[in-house]
N, C-alpha and C. Protein backbone atom coordinates (compact mmCIF):
# COMPACT_ATOMS: atom_id res chain seq x y z
N MET A 1 65.81 66.22 72.71
CA MET A 1 65.36 66.20 74.10
C MET A 1 66.16 67.17 74.98
N GLU A 2 67.49 67.16 74.79
CA GLU A 2 68.37 68.05 75.57
C GLU A 2 68.06 69.52 75.30
N LYS A 3 67.79 69.84 74.03
CA LYS A 3 67.45 71.23 73.66
C LYS A 3 66.15 71.66 74.32
N LEU A 4 65.18 70.76 74.31
CA LEU A 4 63.89 71.06 74.93
C LEU A 4 64.03 71.26 76.45
N LEU A 5 64.89 70.47 77.06
CA LEU A 5 65.14 70.60 78.51
C LEU A 5 65.80 71.93 78.82
N GLU A 6 66.74 72.34 77.96
CA GLU A 6 67.41 73.65 78.12
C GLU A 6 66.40 74.79 77.96
N LEU A 7 65.51 74.65 76.98
CA LEU A 7 64.46 75.64 76.74
C LEU A 7 63.54 75.75 77.95
N ARG A 8 63.19 74.61 78.50
CA ARG A 8 62.34 74.59 79.71
C ARG A 8 63.03 75.30 80.87
N LYS A 9 64.32 75.05 81.01
CA LYS A 9 65.11 75.69 82.07
C LYS A 9 65.09 77.22 81.93
N LYS A 10 65.23 77.68 80.67
CA LYS A 10 65.21 79.14 80.40
C LYS A 10 63.85 79.73 80.74
N ILE A 11 62.79 79.03 80.31
CA ILE A 11 61.41 79.51 80.56
C ILE A 11 61.14 79.59 82.07
N LYS A 12 61.55 78.53 82.78
CA LYS A 12 61.32 78.49 84.23
C LYS A 12 62.14 79.54 84.96
N GLY A 13 63.32 79.87 84.37
CA GLY A 13 64.17 80.90 84.98
C GLY A 13 63.55 82.29 84.89
N LYS A 14 62.86 82.55 83.80
CA LYS A 14 62.23 83.87 83.61
C LYS A 14 60.83 83.96 84.22
N LYS A 15 60.23 82.78 84.48
CA LYS A 15 58.84 82.72 84.94
C LYS A 15 58.65 83.42 86.29
N PRO A 16 57.70 84.37 86.37
CA PRO A 16 57.47 85.05 87.66
C PRO A 16 56.66 84.18 88.61
N LYS A 17 56.63 84.59 89.89
CA LYS A 17 55.82 83.86 90.88
C LYS A 17 54.41 84.44 90.82
N PHE A 18 53.46 83.62 90.41
CA PHE A 18 52.09 84.10 90.29
C PHE A 18 51.37 84.06 91.64
N VAL A 19 50.95 85.24 92.11
CA VAL A 19 50.19 85.33 93.37
C VAL A 19 48.95 86.20 93.17
N ARG A 20 48.02 86.11 94.09
CA ARG A 20 46.75 86.83 93.97
C ARG A 20 46.90 88.34 94.17
N THR A 21 45.89 89.11 93.87
CA THR A 21 45.90 90.57 94.00
C THR A 21 46.03 90.99 95.46
N ASP A 22 46.77 92.10 95.71
CA ASP A 22 46.92 92.73 97.03
C ASP A 22 47.44 91.77 98.11
N ILE A 23 48.29 90.84 97.71
CA ILE A 23 48.86 89.89 98.66
C ILE A 23 49.77 90.60 99.67
N HIS A 24 50.37 91.70 99.24
CA HIS A 24 51.29 92.46 100.09
C HIS A 24 50.55 93.36 101.10
N LYS A 25 49.26 93.55 100.90
CA LYS A 25 48.49 94.45 101.77
C LYS A 25 47.86 93.73 102.97
N LYS A 26 47.52 92.48 102.79
CA LYS A 26 46.83 91.74 103.86
C LYS A 26 47.59 90.47 104.23
N LYS A 27 47.93 90.35 105.53
CA LYS A 27 48.71 89.20 106.01
C LYS A 27 47.92 87.89 105.96
N LYS A 28 46.61 87.99 106.16
CA LYS A 28 45.79 86.78 106.24
C LYS A 28 45.65 86.03 104.90
N LEU A 29 45.97 86.71 103.80
CA LEU A 29 45.84 86.08 102.48
C LEU A 29 46.95 85.06 102.26
N ALA A 30 46.57 83.89 101.76
CA ALA A 30 47.55 82.84 101.47
C ALA A 30 48.35 83.19 100.22
N VAL A 31 49.65 82.80 100.22
CA VAL A 31 50.53 83.11 99.08
C VAL A 31 50.29 82.09 97.97
N LYS A 32 49.21 82.27 97.22
CA LYS A 32 48.91 81.40 96.08
C LYS A 32 48.11 82.16 95.03
N TRP A 33 47.93 81.52 93.87
CA TRP A 33 47.28 82.17 92.74
C TRP A 33 45.75 82.16 92.86
N ARG A 34 45.15 83.34 92.58
CA ARG A 34 43.71 83.48 92.44
C ARG A 34 43.46 84.41 91.26
N LYS A 35 42.59 84.00 90.36
CA LYS A 35 42.32 84.80 89.17
C LYS A 35 41.65 86.12 89.56
N PRO A 36 42.19 87.27 89.07
CA PRO A 36 41.54 88.56 89.39
C PRO A 36 40.21 88.72 88.63
N LYS A 37 39.13 89.08 89.36
CA LYS A 37 37.81 89.13 88.74
C LYS A 37 37.11 90.49 88.86
N GLY A 38 37.70 91.41 89.56
CA GLY A 38 37.06 92.73 89.76
C GLY A 38 36.98 93.55 88.47
N ARG A 39 35.95 94.41 88.38
CA ARG A 39 35.76 95.19 87.15
C ARG A 39 36.91 96.17 86.93
N GLN A 40 37.34 96.83 88.02
CA GLN A 40 38.45 97.79 87.91
C GLN A 40 39.79 97.20 88.35
N ASN A 41 39.87 95.90 88.47
CA ASN A 41 41.10 95.26 88.93
C ASN A 41 42.23 95.50 87.92
N LYS A 42 43.33 96.10 88.43
CA LYS A 42 44.45 96.51 87.56
C LYS A 42 45.22 95.29 87.01
N MET A 43 45.25 94.22 87.79
CA MET A 43 45.91 93.01 87.32
C MET A 43 45.13 92.38 86.17
N ARG A 44 43.80 92.38 86.31
CA ARG A 44 42.96 91.82 85.25
C ARG A 44 43.07 92.63 83.97
N LEU A 45 43.19 93.96 84.13
CA LEU A 45 43.34 94.85 82.97
C LEU A 45 44.75 94.84 82.38
N LYS A 46 45.68 94.14 83.09
CA LYS A 46 47.09 94.00 82.68
C LYS A 46 47.77 95.34 82.47
N LEU A 47 47.58 96.23 83.47
CA LEU A 47 48.21 97.55 83.42
C LEU A 47 49.68 97.45 83.81
N ARG A 48 50.45 98.40 83.31
CA ARG A 48 51.89 98.40 83.56
C ARG A 48 52.17 98.70 85.05
N GLY A 49 53.15 97.97 85.62
CA GLY A 49 53.51 98.20 87.02
C GLY A 49 52.78 97.28 87.99
N TYR A 50 51.88 96.47 87.49
CA TYR A 50 51.14 95.51 88.35
C TYR A 50 51.63 94.09 88.09
N ARG A 51 51.29 93.20 89.01
CA ARG A 51 51.75 91.81 88.92
C ARG A 51 51.28 91.12 87.64
N ARG A 52 52.07 90.13 87.21
CA ARG A 52 51.74 89.39 85.99
C ARG A 52 50.59 88.42 86.23
N VAL A 53 49.85 88.14 85.17
CA VAL A 53 48.72 87.23 85.22
C VAL A 53 49.09 85.93 84.51
N VAL A 54 48.53 84.82 84.99
CA VAL A 54 48.79 83.51 84.37
C VAL A 54 48.24 83.49 82.95
N LYS A 55 49.09 83.07 82.00
CA LYS A 55 48.64 82.97 80.60
C LYS A 55 49.50 81.94 79.85
N VAL A 56 49.05 81.57 78.66
CA VAL A 56 49.79 80.62 77.85
C VAL A 56 51.13 81.23 77.46
N GLY A 57 52.19 80.42 77.52
CA GLY A 57 53.50 80.92 77.16
C GLY A 57 54.53 80.64 78.24
N TRP A 58 54.05 80.56 79.50
CA TRP A 58 54.96 80.27 80.60
C TRP A 58 55.14 78.77 80.82
N GLY A 59 54.32 77.95 80.18
CA GLY A 59 54.42 76.49 80.35
C GLY A 59 55.61 75.91 79.63
N SER A 60 56.04 74.73 80.08
CA SER A 60 57.18 74.05 79.44
C SER A 60 56.73 73.31 78.18
N PRO A 61 57.64 73.01 77.25
CA PRO A 61 57.26 72.29 76.03
C PRO A 61 56.55 70.97 76.34
N VAL A 62 55.58 70.60 75.50
CA VAL A 62 54.74 69.42 75.74
C VAL A 62 55.56 68.14 75.81
N ALA A 63 56.58 68.03 74.98
CA ALA A 63 57.40 66.81 74.92
C ALA A 63 58.14 66.51 76.22
N VAL A 64 58.48 67.58 76.98
CA VAL A 64 59.23 67.38 78.24
C VAL A 64 58.41 67.79 79.48
N LYS A 65 57.10 67.74 79.36
CA LYS A 65 56.23 68.21 80.44
C LYS A 65 56.32 67.32 81.69
N ASP A 66 56.36 65.99 81.54
CA ASP A 66 56.40 65.08 82.69
C ASP A 66 57.81 64.59 83.00
N THR A 67 58.80 65.08 82.28
CA THR A 67 60.17 64.59 82.48
C THR A 67 60.89 65.35 83.59
N LEU A 68 61.86 64.68 84.20
CA LEU A 68 62.68 65.29 85.26
C LEU A 68 63.92 65.93 84.65
N LYS A 69 64.80 66.46 85.48
CA LYS A 69 66.01 67.12 85.00
C LYS A 69 66.91 66.16 84.21
N SER A 70 66.89 64.90 84.64
CA SER A 70 67.72 63.89 83.97
C SER A 70 67.21 63.53 82.57
N GLY A 71 65.97 63.94 82.25
CA GLY A 71 65.37 63.62 80.95
C GLY A 71 64.51 62.36 80.99
N LEU A 72 64.44 61.72 82.18
CA LEU A 72 63.61 60.53 82.35
C LEU A 72 62.23 60.90 82.91
N LYS A 73 61.26 60.06 82.66
CA LYS A 73 59.90 60.31 83.13
C LYS A 73 59.80 59.95 84.62
N GLY A 74 59.23 60.85 85.41
CA GLY A 74 59.06 60.61 86.85
C GLY A 74 57.81 59.80 87.16
N VAL A 75 57.99 58.73 87.97
CA VAL A 75 56.86 57.87 88.36
C VAL A 75 56.79 57.84 89.89
N ILE A 76 55.64 58.23 90.44
CA ILE A 76 55.47 58.22 91.90
C ILE A 76 55.22 56.79 92.37
N VAL A 77 56.02 56.36 93.35
CA VAL A 77 55.93 54.99 93.87
C VAL A 77 55.47 55.03 95.33
N LYS A 78 54.42 54.22 95.62
CA LYS A 78 53.90 54.12 96.99
C LYS A 78 54.12 52.74 97.60
N SER A 79 54.32 51.74 96.73
CA SER A 79 54.58 50.37 97.20
C SER A 79 55.43 49.62 96.18
N LEU A 80 55.83 48.40 96.54
CA LEU A 80 56.66 47.58 95.64
C LEU A 80 55.90 47.16 94.37
N LYS A 81 54.58 47.11 94.45
CA LYS A 81 53.75 46.74 93.28
C LYS A 81 53.88 47.77 92.15
N ASP A 82 54.08 49.05 92.51
CA ASP A 82 54.19 50.11 91.51
C ASP A 82 55.48 50.03 90.69
N MET A 83 56.43 49.20 91.12
CA MET A 83 57.74 49.11 90.45
C MET A 83 57.84 47.93 89.49
N LYS A 84 56.74 47.24 89.27
CA LYS A 84 56.76 46.00 88.47
C LYS A 84 57.23 46.19 87.03
N ASP A 85 56.55 47.05 86.28
CA ASP A 85 56.82 47.17 84.84
C ASP A 85 57.56 48.46 84.46
N LEU A 86 58.47 48.90 85.30
CA LEU A 86 59.20 50.14 85.03
C LEU A 86 60.48 49.86 84.25
N ASP A 87 60.79 50.78 83.32
CA ASP A 87 61.98 50.65 82.49
C ASP A 87 63.04 51.64 82.98
N PRO A 88 64.21 51.16 83.46
CA PRO A 88 65.23 52.07 84.00
C PRO A 88 65.83 53.05 82.97
N LYS A 89 65.67 52.74 81.67
CA LYS A 89 66.20 53.64 80.63
C LYS A 89 65.26 54.81 80.35
N LYS A 90 63.98 54.63 80.64
CA LYS A 90 63.00 55.67 80.34
C LYS A 90 62.39 56.34 81.58
N GLU A 91 62.38 55.59 82.69
CA GLU A 91 61.67 56.07 83.89
C GLU A 91 62.56 56.16 85.13
N GLU A 92 62.21 57.12 85.98
CA GLU A 92 62.91 57.34 87.25
C GLU A 92 61.84 57.43 88.35
N ILE A 93 62.11 56.78 89.49
CA ILE A 93 61.06 56.74 90.52
C ILE A 93 61.15 57.92 91.50
N ILE A 94 59.97 58.31 91.99
CA ILE A 94 59.86 59.33 93.05
C ILE A 94 59.10 58.67 94.19
N ILE A 95 59.76 58.50 95.34
CA ILE A 95 59.10 57.85 96.49
C ILE A 95 58.12 58.84 97.12
N SER A 96 56.89 58.40 97.27
CA SER A 96 55.83 59.24 97.84
C SER A 96 56.15 59.64 99.28
N LYS A 97 55.73 60.85 99.67
CA LYS A 97 56.03 61.34 101.02
C LYS A 97 55.20 60.62 102.09
N THR A 98 54.13 59.93 101.66
CA THR A 98 53.27 59.22 102.62
C THR A 98 53.82 57.85 103.02
N VAL A 99 54.88 57.42 102.35
CA VAL A 99 55.48 56.10 102.63
C VAL A 99 56.29 56.15 103.91
N GLY A 100 56.13 55.10 104.75
CA GLY A 100 56.86 55.01 106.02
C GLY A 100 58.31 54.60 105.83
N LEU A 101 59.11 54.70 106.91
CA LEU A 101 60.55 54.42 106.82
C LEU A 101 60.87 52.98 106.43
N LYS A 102 60.18 52.01 107.03
CA LYS A 102 60.45 50.59 106.74
C LYS A 102 60.16 50.26 105.27
N LYS A 103 59.03 50.78 104.77
CA LYS A 103 58.65 50.53 103.37
C LYS A 103 59.62 51.25 102.44
N LYS A 104 60.10 52.42 102.85
CA LYS A 104 61.05 53.20 102.06
C LYS A 104 62.32 52.39 101.82
N ILE A 105 62.81 51.74 102.87
CA ILE A 105 64.02 50.91 102.76
C ILE A 105 63.81 49.79 101.74
N ASP A 106 62.64 49.14 101.83
CA ASP A 106 62.33 48.05 100.88
C ASP A 106 62.31 48.56 99.44
N ILE A 107 61.70 49.72 99.23
CA ILE A 107 61.61 50.32 97.88
C ILE A 107 63.00 50.65 97.33
N ILE A 108 63.85 51.21 98.20
CA ILE A 108 65.22 51.59 97.79
C ILE A 108 66.02 50.34 97.40
N LYS A 109 65.90 49.30 98.22
CA LYS A 109 66.62 48.04 97.93
C LYS A 109 66.15 47.41 96.62
N LYS A 110 64.84 47.45 96.41
CA LYS A 110 64.25 46.90 95.18
C LYS A 110 64.70 47.71 93.95
N SER A 111 64.76 49.04 94.10
CA SER A 111 65.20 49.90 92.99
C SER A 111 66.66 49.61 92.61
N LYS A 112 67.47 49.28 93.63
CA LYS A 112 68.87 48.89 93.36
C LYS A 112 68.94 47.61 92.54
N GLU A 113 68.08 46.66 92.92
CA GLU A 113 68.03 45.39 92.18
C GLU A 113 67.63 45.59 90.72
N LEU A 114 66.60 46.45 90.52
CA LEU A 114 66.09 46.68 89.17
C LEU A 114 66.91 47.70 88.38
N GLY A 115 67.81 48.41 89.07
CA GLY A 115 68.66 49.42 88.42
C GLY A 115 67.93 50.73 88.15
N LEU A 116 66.93 51.02 88.96
CA LEU A 116 66.16 52.27 88.80
C LEU A 116 66.77 53.40 89.62
N LYS A 117 66.71 54.61 89.08
CA LYS A 117 67.19 55.78 89.80
C LYS A 117 66.07 56.36 90.68
N ILE A 118 66.47 56.98 91.80
CA ILE A 118 65.49 57.62 92.68
C ILE A 118 65.71 59.13 92.62
N ALA A 119 64.66 59.85 92.25
CA ALA A 119 64.77 61.30 92.04
C ALA A 119 64.90 62.09 93.34
N ASN A 120 64.16 61.69 94.38
CA ASN A 120 64.14 62.49 95.61
C ASN A 120 65.06 61.97 96.72
N ILE A 121 66.01 61.08 96.37
CA ILE A 121 67.06 60.65 97.32
C ILE A 121 68.39 60.70 96.59
N LYS A 122 69.33 61.48 97.13
CA LYS A 122 70.63 61.67 96.46
C LYS A 122 71.52 60.44 96.63
N ASN A 123 71.79 60.07 97.91
CA ASN A 123 72.66 58.93 98.18
C ASN A 123 71.85 57.85 98.90
N ALA A 124 71.48 56.81 98.17
CA ALA A 124 70.60 55.76 98.70
C ALA A 124 71.25 54.97 99.84
N ASP A 125 72.54 54.63 99.70
CA ASP A 125 73.26 53.83 100.72
C ASP A 125 73.32 54.59 102.05
N LEU A 126 73.67 55.86 101.97
CA LEU A 126 73.77 56.70 103.17
C LEU A 126 72.40 56.84 103.83
N PHE A 127 71.39 57.00 103.00
CA PHE A 127 70.00 57.14 103.49
C PHE A 127 69.55 55.88 104.24
N ILE A 128 69.84 54.71 103.66
CA ILE A 128 69.48 53.43 104.30
C ILE A 128 70.22 53.27 105.63
N LYS A 129 71.51 53.64 105.64
CA LYS A 129 72.34 53.53 106.85
C LYS A 129 71.75 54.41 107.97
N GLU A 130 71.41 55.64 107.63
CA GLU A 130 70.84 56.58 108.61
C GLU A 130 69.51 56.06 109.17
N ILE A 131 68.66 55.57 108.27
CA ILE A 131 67.34 55.06 108.68
C ILE A 131 67.48 53.85 109.60
N GLU A 132 68.39 52.91 109.22
CA GLU A 132 68.60 51.71 110.03
C GLU A 132 69.14 52.06 111.43
N GLU A 133 70.03 53.04 111.49
CA GLU A 133 70.55 53.52 112.78
C GLU A 133 69.43 54.12 113.63
N LYS A 134 68.59 54.92 112.95
CA LYS A 134 67.46 55.55 113.64
C LYS A 134 66.49 54.49 114.19
N LEU A 135 66.19 53.47 113.37
CA LEU A 135 65.27 52.41 113.78
C LEU A 135 65.84 51.57 114.92
N SER A 136 67.15 51.28 114.84
CA SER A 136 67.80 50.48 115.91
C SER A 136 67.81 51.25 117.23
N ALA A 137 68.07 52.58 117.13
CA ALA A 137 68.05 53.44 118.33
C ALA A 137 66.65 53.48 118.95
N LYS A 138 65.66 53.57 118.07
CA LYS A 138 64.26 53.58 118.52
C LYS A 138 63.90 52.27 119.23
N LYS A 139 64.35 51.16 118.64
CA LYS A 139 64.08 49.83 119.20
C LYS A 139 64.73 49.68 120.57
N ALA A 140 65.99 50.16 120.67
CA ALA A 140 66.74 50.08 121.93
C ALA A 140 66.04 50.89 123.03
N SER A 141 65.59 52.09 122.66
CA SER A 141 64.91 52.95 123.64
C SER A 141 63.58 52.32 124.09
N LYS A 142 62.90 51.67 123.13
CA LYS A 142 61.63 50.99 123.44
C LYS A 142 61.87 49.84 124.43
N GLU A 143 62.92 49.06 124.16
CA GLU A 143 63.27 47.93 125.04
C GLU A 143 63.63 48.41 126.44
N LYS A 144 64.35 49.53 126.49
CA LYS A 144 64.75 50.12 127.78
C LYS A 144 63.52 50.54 128.58
N ILE A 145 62.57 51.18 127.89
CA ILE A 145 61.34 51.64 128.55
C ILE A 145 60.54 50.45 129.08
N THR A 146 60.43 49.37 128.25
CA THR A 146 59.69 48.17 128.68
C THR A 146 60.35 47.50 129.89
N LYS A 147 61.71 47.48 129.88
CA LYS A 147 62.47 46.92 130.99
C LYS A 147 62.20 47.69 132.28
N GLU A 148 62.25 49.02 132.17
CA GLU A 148 61.99 49.89 133.33
C GLU A 148 60.57 49.69 133.86
N LYS A 149 59.62 49.55 132.93
CA LYS A 149 58.22 49.32 133.32
C LYS A 149 58.06 48.01 134.08
N GLU A 150 58.73 46.95 133.56
CA GLU A 150 58.67 45.64 134.21
C GLU A 150 59.28 45.68 135.62
N GLU A 151 60.42 46.37 135.75
CA GLU A 151 61.08 46.51 137.06
C GLU A 151 60.18 47.24 138.05
N LYS A 152 59.56 48.33 137.58
CA LYS A 152 58.63 49.09 138.43
C LYS A 152 57.45 48.23 138.86
N LYS A 153 56.95 47.41 137.92
CA LYS A 153 55.82 46.52 138.20
C LYS A 153 56.20 45.51 139.29
N LYS A 154 57.41 44.93 139.15
CA LYS A 154 57.90 43.97 140.14
C LYS A 154 58.03 44.61 141.53
N GLU A 155 58.56 45.85 141.55
CA GLU A 155 58.70 46.59 142.81
C GLU A 155 57.34 46.81 143.47
N ARG A 156 56.37 47.22 142.62
CA ARG A 156 55.01 47.46 143.13
C ARG A 156 54.39 46.19 143.70
N GLU A 157 54.59 45.07 142.98
CA GLU A 157 54.06 43.78 143.44
C GLU A 157 54.69 43.36 144.76
N ALA A 158 56.03 43.56 144.88
CA ALA A 158 56.75 43.21 146.11
C ALA A 158 56.24 44.05 147.29
N LYS A 159 56.06 45.36 147.04
CA LYS A 159 55.54 46.25 148.08
C LYS A 159 54.13 45.84 148.52
N ALA A 160 53.31 45.48 147.53
CA ALA A 160 51.93 45.05 147.82
C ALA A 160 51.93 43.77 148.67
N LYS A 161 52.84 42.83 148.35
CA LYS A 161 52.96 41.58 149.12
C LYS A 161 53.38 41.86 150.56
N GLU A 162 54.37 42.77 150.72
CA GLU A 162 54.84 43.16 152.06
C GLU A 162 53.71 43.77 152.88
N LYS A 163 52.94 44.62 152.23
CA LYS A 163 51.80 45.28 152.89
C LYS A 163 50.76 44.25 153.36
N GLU A 164 50.48 43.30 152.48
CA GLU A 164 49.52 42.23 152.80
C GLU A 164 50.00 41.41 154.00
N ALA A 165 51.30 41.07 153.98
CA ALA A 165 51.89 40.28 155.07
C ALA A 165 51.79 41.04 156.40
N LYS A 166 52.10 42.33 156.36
CA LYS A 166 52.02 43.17 157.57
C LYS A 166 50.60 43.22 158.12
N GLU A 167 49.64 43.43 157.19
CA GLU A 167 48.23 43.48 157.59
C GLU A 167 47.78 42.16 158.22
N LYS A 168 48.26 41.04 157.64
CA LYS A 168 47.93 39.70 158.15
C LYS A 168 48.47 39.54 159.58
N GLN A 169 49.74 39.96 159.76
CA GLN A 169 50.39 39.87 161.08
C GLN A 169 49.63 40.70 162.11
N GLU A 170 49.26 41.92 161.70
CA GLU A 170 48.52 42.81 162.61
C GLU A 170 47.17 42.20 163.00
N LYS A 171 46.50 41.59 162.03
CA LYS A 171 45.21 40.94 162.29
C LYS A 171 45.36 39.79 163.28
N GLU A 172 46.41 38.95 163.03
CA GLU A 172 46.68 37.81 163.92
C GLU A 172 46.99 38.28 165.34
N LYS A 173 47.79 39.35 165.41
CA LYS A 173 48.15 39.94 166.70
C LYS A 173 46.91 40.45 167.42
N GLY A 174 46.05 41.09 166.63
CA GLY A 174 44.79 41.64 167.17
C GLY A 174 43.89 40.54 167.71
N THR A 175 43.80 39.43 167.01
CA THR A 175 42.96 38.30 167.47
C THR A 175 43.51 37.68 168.75
N GLU A 176 44.85 37.58 168.83
CA GLU A 176 45.50 37.05 170.04
C GLU A 176 45.21 37.94 171.25
N ASP A 177 45.34 39.27 171.03
CA ASP A 177 45.07 40.24 172.10
C ASP A 177 43.61 40.15 172.56
N ASP A 178 42.72 39.99 171.60
CA ASP A 178 41.28 39.87 171.93
C ASP A 178 41.00 38.64 172.78
N LEU A 179 41.64 37.50 172.42
CA LEU A 179 41.47 36.27 173.18
C LEU A 179 41.97 36.41 174.62
N ALA A 180 43.15 37.05 174.71
CA ALA A 180 43.75 37.27 176.04
C ALA A 180 42.83 38.15 176.90
N ASN A 181 42.30 39.21 176.28
CA ASN A 181 41.38 40.11 177.00
C ASN A 181 40.12 39.38 177.44
N LYS A 182 39.61 38.52 176.56
CA LYS A 182 38.40 37.75 176.88
C LYS A 182 38.64 36.82 178.08
N LEU A 183 39.80 36.13 178.07
CA LEU A 183 40.16 35.23 179.18
C LEU A 183 40.27 35.98 180.50
N GLU A 184 40.91 37.16 180.41
CA GLU A 184 41.05 38.00 181.62
C GLU A 184 39.68 38.41 182.16
N ASP A 185 38.79 38.82 181.24
CA ASP A 185 37.43 39.23 181.65
C ASP A 185 36.67 38.07 182.31
N GLU A 186 36.82 36.85 181.74
CA GLU A 186 36.15 35.67 182.31
C GLU A 186 36.66 35.36 183.71
N GLU A 187 38.00 35.45 183.84
CA GLU A 187 38.61 35.20 185.15
C GLU A 187 38.12 36.21 186.19
N LYS A 188 38.05 37.45 185.78
CA LYS A 188 37.57 38.51 186.68
C LYS A 188 36.13 38.24 187.12
N ARG A 189 35.30 37.86 186.12
CA ARG A 189 33.89 37.60 186.39
C ARG A 189 33.72 36.43 187.37
N LYS A 190 34.51 35.37 187.14
CA LYS A 190 34.46 34.20 188.03
C LYS A 190 34.87 34.57 189.46
N LYS A 191 35.92 35.39 189.55
CA LYS A 191 36.42 35.83 190.86
C LYS A 191 35.37 36.64 191.59
N GLU A 192 34.72 37.56 190.82
CA GLU A 192 33.67 38.39 191.42
C GLU A 192 32.50 37.52 191.93
N GLU A 193 32.13 36.50 191.14
CA GLU A 193 31.06 35.58 191.55
C GLU A 193 31.42 34.83 192.84
N LYS A 194 32.70 34.35 192.91
CA LYS A 194 33.19 33.65 194.11
C LYS A 194 33.12 34.55 195.33
N ASP A 195 33.57 35.81 195.14
CA ASP A 195 33.56 36.79 196.23
C ASP A 195 32.14 37.03 196.74
N LYS A 196 31.18 37.11 195.81
CA LYS A 196 29.77 37.31 196.19
C LYS A 196 29.23 36.15 197.02
N VAL A 197 29.60 34.93 196.57
CA VAL A 197 29.15 33.72 197.28
C VAL A 197 29.73 33.70 198.70
N LEU A 198 31.00 34.03 198.85
CA LEU A 198 31.66 34.04 200.13
C LEU A 198 31.06 35.08 201.08
N THR A 199 30.77 36.25 200.58
CA THR A 199 30.17 37.35 201.39
C THR A 199 28.79 36.94 201.89
N LYS A 200 28.05 36.23 201.07
CA LYS A 200 26.70 35.78 201.44
C LYS A 200 26.77 34.76 202.58
N LYS A 201 27.71 33.82 202.55
CA LYS A 201 27.88 32.79 203.58
C LYS A 201 28.20 33.41 204.92
N GLU A 202 29.03 34.43 204.90
CA GLU A 202 29.40 35.12 206.13
C GLU A 202 28.20 35.82 206.76
């Protein structure tokens, strides 16, 4: 197994980067492999001085095709269910990139219990510590924002109550003024009527 892994390392070291024809001429072309199909295509004709074409021989040995550098088989894990029947002597887990932080912590803790190695995390303890700090900071900031929102809401409610009270007072004042004006008008009218009666008698 070790010899095969060394052989794979040598092959991968010499392996060129396979890219499509005229990638250096046009910026819009994506840096990936496309089989050359043109009749006069120099890459397809495998002429000297042109880029290499994908062919048999650059692949790794079949026995170590799915194995990692450690010599163990890599298994992609997306949830705790995927870790049920794994053997720590033969398999090593790779946590999927689609997994969230909380689930990642659970997977790491479970892998510690089962004695499984994680291929894409170097130091699991440090990683958990960093994530927990990040989550606690996030929680604290969330609580702070909610507190500020509640305080602002209370202020708005208090202001609205003050406004209502002022409007009520103004309305009451207005009704009092109207009553006073009405009484004055009635008194004036009565006085005018009395004056008319007196003038007539004379």
